[in-house]
Amino acid sequence: MGRRYIASLNNAEAQTHHSQPPRLLFHQRLHQAEHYYTKGLTAMLP
């Protein structure tokens, strides 16, 4: 479990990222944005 293992993990993650259709990636980004937005709003509430 050294750097080579981590590098292969990152490589696999990058490959799956590239294989995803843009629409799915967009939905993930949108969901992330919504999550942070609602988190920010609840943080501002007293």
N, C-alpha and C. Protein backbone atom coordinates (compact mmCIF):
# COMPACT_ATOMS: atom_id res chain seq x y z
N MET A 1 0.86 -1.20 0.00
CA MET A 1 0.00 0.00 0.00
C MET A 1 0.90 1.25 0.00
N GLY A 2 1.62 1.45 -1.06
CA GLY A 2 2.50 2.60 -1.14
C GLY A 2 1.97 3.64 -2.10
N ARG A 3 2.89 4.43 -2.62
CA ARG A 3 2.48 5.49 -3.54
C ARG A 3 1.95 4.92 -4.84
N ARG A 4 2.49 3.76 -5.23
CA ARG A 4 2.06 3.15 -6.49
C ARG A 4 0.57 2.80 -6.42
N TYR A 5 0.14 2.29 -5.27
CA TYR A 5 -1.26 1.93 -5.07
C TYR A 5 -2.16 3.17 -5.19
N ILE A 6 -1.75 4.24 -4.53
CA ILE A 6 -2.52 5.48 -4.56
C ILE A 6 -2.56 6.05 -5.98
N ALA A 7 -1.43 5.95 -6.67
CA ALA A 7 -1.36 6.46 -8.05
C ALA A 7 -2.31 5.68 -8.94
N SER A 8 -2.37 4.36 -8.76
CA SER A 8 -3.26 3.54 -9.58
C SER A 8 -4.72 3.85 -9.25
N LEU A 9 -5.00 4.14 -7.98
CA LEU A 9 -6.35 4.53 -7.57
C LEU A 9 -6.76 5.83 -8.25
N ASN A 10 -5.86 6.82 -8.20
CA ASN A 10 -6.13 8.11 -8.82
C ASN A 10 -6.32 7.96 -10.31
N ASN A 11 -5.51 7.08 -10.92
CA ASN A 11 -5.59 6.85 -12.36
C ASN A 11 -6.94 6.24 -12.70
N ALA A 12 -7.38 5.26 -11.92
CA ALA A 12 -8.66 4.61 -12.16
C ALA A 12 -9.80 5.61 -12.00
N GLU A 13 -9.67 6.47 -11.02
CA GLU A 13 -10.70 7.48 -10.78
C GLU A 13 -10.79 8.45 -11.96
N ALA A 14 -9.62 8.83 -12.46
CA ALA A 14 -9.57 9.76 -13.59
C ALA A 14 -10.19 9.11 -14.83
N GLN A 15 -9.92 7.82 -15.02
CA GLN A 15 -10.46 7.12 -16.18
C GLN A 15 -11.98 7.02 -16.11
N THR A 16 -12.51 6.70 -14.95
CA THR A 16 -13.96 6.59 -14.81
C THR A 16 -14.59 7.97 -14.97
N HIS A 17 -13.87 9.00 -14.54
CA HIS A 17 -14.35 10.37 -14.69
C HIS A 17 -14.51 10.72 -16.16
N HIS A 18 -13.51 10.34 -16.96
CA HIS A 18 -13.53 10.69 -18.37
C HIS A 18 -14.56 9.88 -19.13
N SER A 19 -14.87 8.69 -18.63
CA SER A 19 -15.81 7.83 -19.34
C SER A 19 -17.27 8.24 -19.08
N GLN A 20 -17.45 9.08 -18.07
CA GLN A 20 -18.81 9.53 -17.76
C GLN A 20 -19.30 10.53 -18.79
N PRO A 21 -20.57 10.43 -19.17
CA PRO A 21 -21.15 11.41 -20.09
C PRO A 21 -21.23 12.79 -19.43
N PRO A 22 -21.07 13.85 -20.22
CA PRO A 22 -21.08 15.22 -19.69
C PRO A 22 -22.34 15.54 -18.89
N ARG A 23 -23.47 14.97 -19.34
CA ARG A 23 -24.73 15.27 -18.66
C ARG A 23 -24.70 14.79 -17.22
N LEU A 24 -24.17 13.59 -17.02
CA LEU A 24 -24.10 13.03 -15.68
C LEU A 24 -23.17 13.87 -14.80
N LEU A 25 -22.04 14.28 -15.40
CA LEU A 25 -21.08 15.10 -14.68
C LEU A 25 -21.74 16.42 -14.28
N PHE A 26 -22.52 16.98 -15.20
CA PHE A 26 -23.23 18.23 -14.92
C PHE A 26 -24.20 18.07 -13.77
N HIS A 27 -24.91 16.95 -13.77
CA HIS A 27 -25.88 16.70 -12.69
C HIS A 27 -25.17 16.57 -11.35
N GLN A 28 -23.99 15.94 -11.37
CA GLN A 28 -23.22 15.80 -10.13
C GLN A 28 -22.80 17.17 -9.62
N ARG A 29 -22.34 18.02 -10.54
CA ARG A 29 -21.90 19.36 -10.16
C ARG A 29 -23.08 20.16 -9.61
N LEU A 30 -24.23 20.02 -10.27
CA LEU A 30 -25.43 20.74 -9.85
C LEU A 30 -25.84 20.30 -8.45
N HIS A 31 -25.80 18.98 -8.22
CA HIS A 31 -26.17 18.44 -6.93
C HIS A 31 -25.21 18.96 -5.85
N GLN A 32 -23.92 19.02 -6.19
CA GLN A 32 -22.92 19.53 -5.26
C GLN A 32 -23.21 20.99 -4.93
N ALA A 33 -23.50 21.76 -5.96
CA ALA A 33 -23.77 23.18 -5.77
C ALA A 33 -25.00 23.38 -4.88
N GLU A 34 -26.04 22.60 -5.14
CA GLU A 34 -27.26 22.68 -4.32
C GLU A 34 -26.95 22.36 -2.87
N HIS A 35 -26.12 21.31 -2.69
CA HIS A 35 -25.76 20.89 -1.34
C HIS A 35 -25.06 22.01 -0.59
N TYR A 36 -24.06 22.62 -1.25
CA TYR A 36 -23.32 23.70 -0.58
C TYR A 36 -24.19 24.93 -0.38
N TYR A 37 -25.09 25.17 -1.31
CA TYR A 37 -25.98 26.32 -1.21
C TYR A 37 -26.90 26.19 0.01
N THR A 38 -27.55 25.03 0.14
CA THR A 38 -28.45 24.82 1.27
C THR A 38 -27.66 24.79 2.58
N LYS A 39 -26.43 24.26 2.51
CA LYS A 39 -25.58 24.21 3.70
C LYS A 39 -25.26 25.64 4.14
N GLY A 40 -24.97 26.50 3.17
CA GLY A 40 -24.65 27.88 3.45
C GLY A 40 -25.84 28.62 4.02
N LEU A 41 -27.01 28.33 3.47
CA LEU A 41 -28.23 28.99 3.94
C LEU A 41 -28.53 28.60 5.38
N THR A 42 -28.43 27.31 5.68
CA THR A 42 -28.72 26.86 7.05
C THR A 42 -27.68 27.39 8.02
N ALA A 43 -26.46 27.63 7.52
CA ALA A 43 -25.41 28.16 8.39
C ALA A 43 -25.70 29.63 8.72
N MET A 44 -26.37 30.34 7.81
CA MET A 44 -26.68 31.75 8.05
C MET A 44 -27.86 31.92 8.99
N LEU A 45 -28.70 30.91 9.09
CA LEU A 45 -29.86 31.01 9.97
C LEU A 45 -29.41 31.03 11.43
N PRO A 46 -30.13 31.76 12.27
CA PRO A 46 -29.77 31.85 13.69
C PRO A 46 -30.02 30.54 14.43
